[in-house]
Amino acid sequence: MIASIVYIVLVVGGLLYLIKKKRDTEAKFPLKIIGYYILGVFAFKFNGIALPLGFIIYLLFFRPKVNADIKRQAAIFGLIIFIIVQWITPITVYMWESRTITIEHELESAFTIDFAEENELITRN
């Protein structure tokens, strides 16, 4: 829940920052920045491995003329979010879930417990 809120704030804040940086006037500029971001985030999964297909398409086919640096930054921002969501987060979740957990106990063996004494302690309280 908290991670989702942080993710949304990060994405919206980053996109608003890029939209405010525009130098030249351009029609529907905020929608174009969102499009370049979505292009950078677009993933293609091949055998369970996420590949940044959208960013590769951006590098190969898109050559913007107006506000080119900001559009490039939006695509790179999308690639960074792609890396965080598709690669870093699953790895950290896997490492967290597969960590070793040790539980300390005071008794050496269950056969050394005096059950009568334990029963008195329980019934007294």
C-alpha atoms as a PDB file:
ATOM      1  CA  MET A   1       0.000   0.000   0.000  1.00  0.00           C
ATOM      2  CA  ILE A   2       2.696   2.480   1.022  1.00  0.00           C
ATOM      3  CA  ALA A   3       4.884   1.351  -1.866  1.00  0.00           C
ATOM      4  CA  SER A   4       2.039   2.030  -4.311  1.00  0.00           C
ATOM      5  CA  ILE A   5       1.543   5.528  -2.946  1.00  0.00           C
ATOM      6  CA  VAL A   6       5.275   6.258  -3.150  1.00  0.00           C
ATOM      7  CA  TYR A   7       5.341   4.892  -6.703  1.00  0.00           C
ATOM      8  CA  ILE A   8       2.407   7.078  -7.791  1.00  0.00           C
ATOM      9  CA  VAL A   9       3.878  10.200  -6.158  1.00  0.00           C
ATOM     10  CA  LEU A  10       7.251   9.504  -7.787  1.00  0.00           C
ATOM     11  CA  VAL A  11       5.761   9.035 -11.257  1.00  0.00           C
ATOM     12  CA  VAL A  12       3.353  11.988 -11.099  1.00  0.00           C
ATOM     13  CA  GLY A  13       6.025  14.249  -9.592  1.00  0.00           C
ATOM     14  CA  GLY A  14       8.564  13.232 -12.219  1.00  0.00           C
ATOM     15  CA  LEU A  15       6.141  13.791 -15.073  1.00  0.00           C
ATOM     16  CA  LEU A  16       5.039  17.180 -13.732  1.00  0.00           C
ATOM     17  CA  TYR A  17       8.691  18.172 -13.375  1.00  0.00           C
ATOM     18  CA  LEU A  18       9.367  17.218 -16.997  1.00  0.00           C
ATOM     19  CA  ILE A  19       6.242  19.009 -18.233  1.00  0.00           C
ATOM     20  CA  LYS A  20       7.280  22.231 -16.478  1.00  0.00           C
ATOM     21  CA  LYS A  21      10.754  22.084 -18.091  1.00  0.00           C
ATOM     22  CA  LYS A  22       9.483  22.606 -21.647  1.00  0.00           C
ATOM     23  CA  ARG A  23      11.354  25.225 -23.617  1.00  0.00           C
ATOM     24  CA  ASP A  24       9.406  25.528 -26.860  1.00  0.00           C
ATOM     25  CA  THR A  25       5.652  25.722 -27.222  1.00  0.00           C
ATOM     26  CA  GLU A  26       4.212  22.502 -28.555  1.00  0.00           C
ATOM     27  CA  ALA A  27       0.639  21.317 -28.998  1.00  0.00           C
ATOM     28  CA  LYS A  28      -0.493  18.671 -26.489  1.00  0.00           C
ATOM     29  CA  PHE A  29       2.944  18.589 -24.867  1.00  0.00           C
ATOM     30  CA  PRO A  30       1.823  16.972 -21.569  1.00  0.00           C
ATOM     31  CA  LEU A  31       0.241  14.080 -23.481  1.00  0.00           C
ATOM     32  CA  LYS A  32       3.420  13.614 -25.501  1.00  0.00           C
ATOM     33  CA  ILE A  33       5.536  13.488 -22.338  1.00  0.00           C
ATOM     34  CA  ILE A  34       3.177  10.889 -20.856  1.00  0.00           C
ATOM     35  CA  GLY A  35       3.427   8.938 -24.137  1.00  0.00           C
ATOM     36  CA  TYR A  36       7.226   8.967 -24.059  1.00  0.00           C
ATOM     37  CA  TYR A  37       7.132   7.852 -20.417  1.00  0.00           C
ATOM     38  CA  ILE A  38       4.765   4.978 -21.273  1.00  0.00           C
ATOM     39  CA  LEU A  39       7.033   4.060 -24.172  1.00  0.00           C
ATOM     40  CA  GLY A  40       9.988   3.893 -21.781  1.00  0.00           C
ATOM     41  CA  VAL A  41       8.056   1.727 -19.301  1.00  0.00           C
ATOM     42  CA  PHE A  42       6.666  -0.697 -21.911  1.00  0.00           C
ATOM     43  CA  ALA A  43       7.931  -4.217 -21.245  1.00  0.00           C
ATOM     44  CA  PHE A  44       8.042  -7.387 -23.290  1.00  0.00           C
ATOM     45  CA  LYS A  45       8.326 -10.597 -21.294  1.00  0.00           C
ATOM     46  CA  PHE A  46      10.262 -13.388 -22.951  1.00  0.00           C
ATOM     47  CA  ASN A  47      10.613 -16.638 -20.982  1.00  0.00           C
ATOM     48  CA  GLY A  48       9.836 -14.782 -17.770  1.00  0.00           C
ATOM     49  CA  ILE A  49      12.478 -12.104 -18.364  1.00  0.00           C
ATOM     50  CA  ALA A  50      11.203  -8.545 -18.843  1.00  0.00           C
ATOM     51  CA  LEU A  51      12.887  -6.698 -21.689  1.00  0.00           C
ATOM     52  CA  PRO A  52      12.608  -2.902 -22.182  1.00  0.00           C
ATOM     53  CA  LEU A  53      11.077  -3.115 -25.657  1.00  0.00           C
ATOM     54  CA  GLY A  54       9.515   0.346 -25.484  1.00  0.00           C
ATOM     55  CA  PHE A  55      12.833   2.047 -24.785  1.00  0.00           C
ATOM     56  CA  ILE A  56      14.501   0.087 -27.583  1.00  0.00           C
ATOM     57  CA  ILE A  57      11.751   1.232 -29.962  1.00  0.00           C
ATOM     58  CA  TYR A  58      12.310   4.816 -28.786  1.00  0.00           C
ATOM     59  CA  LEU A  59      16.044   4.544 -29.501  1.00  0.00           C
ATOM     60  CA  LEU A  60      15.518   3.033 -32.940  1.00  0.00           C
ATOM     61  CA  PHE A  61      12.582   4.978 -34.371  1.00  0.00           C
ATOM     62  CA  PHE A  62      11.888   8.215 -32.499  1.00  0.00           C
ATOM     63  CA  ARG A  63      13.799  11.385 -33.402  1.00  0.00           C
ATOM     64  CA  PRO A  64      11.870  14.334 -31.915  1.00  0.00           C
ATOM     65  CA  LYS A  65      12.736  17.799 -33.172  1.00  0.00           C
ATOM     66  CA  VAL A  66      11.023  20.040 -30.586  1.00  0.00           C
ATOM     67  CA  ASN A  67      11.832  19.621 -26.871  1.00  0.00           C
ATOM     68  CA  ALA A  68      13.961  16.611 -27.770  1.00  0.00           C
ATOM     69  CA  ASP A  69      15.968  16.594 -24.537  1.00  0.00           C
ATOM     70  CA  ILE A  70      12.840  16.601 -22.360  1.00  0.00           C
ATOM     71  CA  LYS A  71      11.256  13.798 -24.384  1.00  0.00           C
ATOM     72  CA  ARG A  72      14.476  11.798 -24.059  1.00  0.00           C
ATOM     73  CA  GLN A  73      14.430  12.411 -20.299  1.00  0.00           C
ATOM     74  CA  ALA A  74      10.809  11.189 -20.152  1.00  0.00           C
ATOM     75  CA  ALA A  75      11.764   7.970 -21.962  1.00  0.00           C
ATOM     76  CA  ILE A  76      14.781   7.479 -19.667  1.00  0.00           C
ATOM     77  CA  PHE A  77      12.568   8.149 -16.637  1.00  0.00           C
ATOM     78  CA  GLY A  78      10.237   5.441 -17.928  1.00  0.00           C
ATOM     79  CA  LEU A  79      13.216   3.094 -18.316  1.00  0.00           C
ATOM     80  CA  ILE A  80      14.301   3.772 -14.719  1.00  0.00           C
ATOM     81  CA  ILE A  81      10.792   3.015 -13.456  1.00  0.00           C
ATOM     82  CA  PHE A  82      10.789  -0.124 -15.641  1.00  0.00           C
ATOM     83  CA  ILE A  83      14.033  -1.297 -14.036  1.00  0.00           C
ATOM     84  CA  ILE A  84      12.722  -0.623 -10.537  1.00  0.00           C
ATOM     85  CA  VAL A  85       9.371  -2.369 -11.093  1.00  0.00           C
ATOM     86  CA  GLN A  86      10.420  -5.272 -13.323  1.00  0.00           C
ATOM     87  CA  TRP A  87      13.898  -6.141 -12.031  1.00  0.00           C
ATOM     88  CA  ILE A  88      14.813  -4.614  -8.670  1.00  0.00           C
ATOM     89  CA  THR A  89      11.508  -5.123  -6.832  1.00  0.00           C
ATOM     90  CA  PRO A  90      11.122  -8.861  -7.675  1.00  0.00           C
ATOM     91  CA  ILE A  91      14.750  -9.530  -6.731  1.00  0.00           C
ATOM     92  CA  THR A  92      14.413  -7.771  -3.373  1.00  0.00           C
ATOM     93  CA  VAL A  93      11.104  -9.527  -2.629  1.00  0.00           C
ATOM     94  CA  TYR A  94      12.698 -12.888  -3.442  1.00  0.00           C
ATOM     95  CA  MET A  95      15.715 -12.145  -1.255  1.00  0.00           C
ATOM     96  CA  TRP A  96      13.461 -11.013   1.606  1.00  0.00           C
ATOM     97  CA  GLU A  97      11.229 -14.081   1.407  1.00  0.00           C
ATOM     98  CA  SER A  98      14.110 -16.559   1.103  1.00  0.00           C
ATOM     99  CA  ARG A  99      16.187 -15.207   3.988  1.00  0.00           C
ATOM    100  CA  THR A 100      17.056 -17.565   6.794  1.00  0.00           C
ATOM    101  CA  ILE A 101      15.103 -17.159  10.003  1.00  0.00           C
ATOM    102  CA  THR A 102      16.470 -18.472  13.277  1.00  0.00           C
ATOM    103  CA  ILE A 103      14.371 -18.874  16.374  1.00  0.00           C
ATOM    104  CA  GLU A 104      16.105 -18.881  19.725  1.00  0.00           C
ATOM    105  CA  HIS A 105      14.769 -21.186  22.389  1.00  0.00           C
ATOM    106  CA  GLU A 106      15.644 -21.621  26.043  1.00  0.00           C
ATOM    107  CA  LEU A 107      15.042 -25.341  26.476  1.00  0.00           C
ATOM    108  CA  GLU A 108      17.485 -27.887  25.172  1.00  0.00           C
ATOM    109  CA  SER A 109      15.006 -30.750  24.916  1.00  0.00           C
ATOM    110  CA  ALA A 110      11.282 -31.255  25.370  1.00  0.00           C
ATOM    111  CA  PHE A 111      12.053 -34.310  27.506  1.00  0.00           C
ATOM    112  CA  THR A 112      13.622 -32.158  30.252  1.00  0.00           C
ATOM    113  CA  ILE A 113      10.450 -30.140  30.915  1.00  0.00           C
ATOM    114  CA  ASP A 114       8.767 -30.688  34.271  1.00  0.00           C
ATOM    115  CA  PHE A 115       5.158 -30.713  33.113  1.00  0.00           C
ATOM    116  CA  ALA A 116       3.722 -30.653  36.626  1.00  0.00           C
ATOM    117  CA  GLU A 117       5.563 -27.406  37.403  1.00  0.00           C
ATOM    118  CA  GLU A 118       4.540 -25.893  34.062  1.00  0.00           C
ATOM    119  CA  ASN A 119       0.918 -26.881  34.727  1.00  0.00           C
ATOM    120  CA  GLU A 120       1.029 -25.133  38.132  1.00  0.00           C
ATOM    121  CA  LEU A 121       2.406 -21.953  36.516  1.00  0.00           C
ATOM    122  CA  ILE A 122      -0.364 -21.980  33.946  1.00  0.00           C
ATOM    123  CA  THR A 123      -3.208 -22.678  36.367  1.00  0.00           C
ATOM    124  CA  ARG A 124      -2.032 -20.031  38.852  1.00  0.00           C
ATOM    125  CA  ASN A 125      -2.268 -17.226  36.321  1.00  0.00           C
END
